[in-house]
Amino acid sequence: MQKFKANWQITKNWQLIFPFIGLVALGYSSFKLAGLFISKENLAILIGLGAVIFFVLLKFILKIFEKLEKNGKSITDGN
């Protein structure tokens, strides 16, 4: 948990609510997107596709944050 807090620059415990809310929102969005692609009659396939979409979007968002962090460091370094 300390490594997670250090990576995301979390200094107070109450700030952990923001990553939690982000994961819940991403999970809900993934489930709703999966519902657009397949019928809602088969719940197991819907949840499986939602999980796949969740992990794809999570990797995509983390890549975006990584690029933003690199750009932010280069701007503050004056390069």
Protein backbone atom coordinates (compact mmCIF):
# COMPACT_ATOMS: atom_id res chain seq x y z
CA MET A 1 0.00 0.00 0.00
CA GLN A 2 2.89 2.35 0.72
CA LYS A 3 4.27 1.79 -2.78
CA PHE A 4 0.86 2.57 -4.27
CA LYS A 5 0.64 5.76 -2.20
CA ALA A 6 4.14 6.81 -3.25
CA ASN A 7 3.50 6.14 -6.96
CA TRP A 8 0.32 8.21 -6.98
CA GLN A 9 1.65 10.88 -4.59
CA ILE A 10 -1.02 10.19 -1.98
CA THR A 11 -0.14 11.79 1.35
CA LYS A 12 -3.40 11.45 3.30
CA ASN A 13 -5.52 8.32 3.68
CA TRP A 14 -8.70 10.11 2.58
CA GLN A 15 -7.09 10.65 -0.84
CA LEU A 16 -7.42 6.91 -1.52
CA ILE A 17 -11.08 7.58 -2.34
CA PHE A 18 -10.12 9.04 -5.73
CA PRO A 19 -8.46 5.89 -7.17
CA PHE A 20 -11.34 3.84 -5.73
CA ILE A 21 -13.96 6.05 -7.38
CA GLY A 22 -12.01 5.87 -10.64
CA LEU A 23 -11.97 2.07 -10.60
CA VAL A 24 -15.67 1.86 -9.77
CA ALA A 25 -16.52 4.30 -12.59
CA LEU A 26 -14.30 2.39 -15.03
CA GLY A 27 -15.98 -0.89 -14.03
CA TYR A 28 -19.45 0.56 -14.51
CA SER A 29 -18.50 2.07 -17.86
CA SER A 30 -17.01 -1.23 -19.01
CA PHE A 31 -20.16 -3.10 -18.04
CA LYS A 32 -22.36 -0.60 -19.89
CA LEU A 33 -20.12 -0.73 -22.99
CA ALA A 34 -20.26 -4.52 -22.97
CA GLY A 35 -24.05 -4.25 -22.85
CA LEU A 36 -23.96 -2.27 -26.08
CA PHE A 37 -22.09 -5.03 -27.90
CA ILE A 38 -24.06 -8.09 -26.75
CA SER A 39 -27.54 -8.79 -25.46
CA LYS A 40 -28.13 -8.64 -21.73
CA GLU A 41 -29.74 -12.08 -21.63
CA ASN A 42 -26.48 -13.95 -21.03
CA LEU A 43 -25.04 -12.35 -17.90
CA ALA A 44 -21.86 -14.48 -17.78
CA ILE A 45 -20.72 -13.39 -21.24
CA LEU A 46 -21.69 -9.79 -20.44
CA ILE A 47 -19.54 -9.80 -17.29
CA GLY A 48 -16.66 -11.51 -19.11
CA LEU A 49 -16.67 -8.99 -21.93
CA GLY A 50 -16.99 -6.20 -19.35
CA ALA A 51 -13.88 -7.50 -17.59
CA VAL A 52 -11.93 -7.57 -20.85
CA ILE A 53 -13.00 -4.02 -21.68
CA PHE A 54 -12.13 -2.96 -18.11
CA PHE A 55 -8.55 -4.21 -18.37
CA VAL A 56 -8.04 -2.78 -21.86
CA LEU A 57 -9.27 0.63 -20.77
CA LEU A 58 -7.24 0.46 -17.56
CA LYS A 59 -4.03 -0.23 -19.50
CA PHE A 60 -4.88 2.58 -21.93
CA ILE A 61 -5.52 5.09 -19.14
CA LEU A 62 -2.34 4.13 -17.29
CA LYS A 63 -0.34 4.62 -20.52
CA ILE A 64 -1.89 8.08 -20.87
CA PHE A 65 -0.92 8.97 -17.29
CA GLU A 66 2.62 7.70 -17.93
CA LYS A 67 2.97 9.92 -21.01
CA LEU A 68 1.52 12.92 -19.17
CA GLU A 69 3.95 12.39 -16.31
CA LYS A 70 6.91 12.29 -18.71
CA ASN A 71 5.71 15.45 -20.47
CA GLY A 72 5.24 17.21 -17.15
CA LYS A 73 8.76 16.37 -16.03
CA SER A 74 10.29 17.55 -19.31
CA ILE A 75 8.44 20.86 -19.09
CA THR A 76 9.56 21.50 -15.52
CA ASP A 77 13.17 20.55 -16.40
CA GLY A 78 13.20 23.18 -19.12
CA ASN A 79 13.77 20.73 -22.00
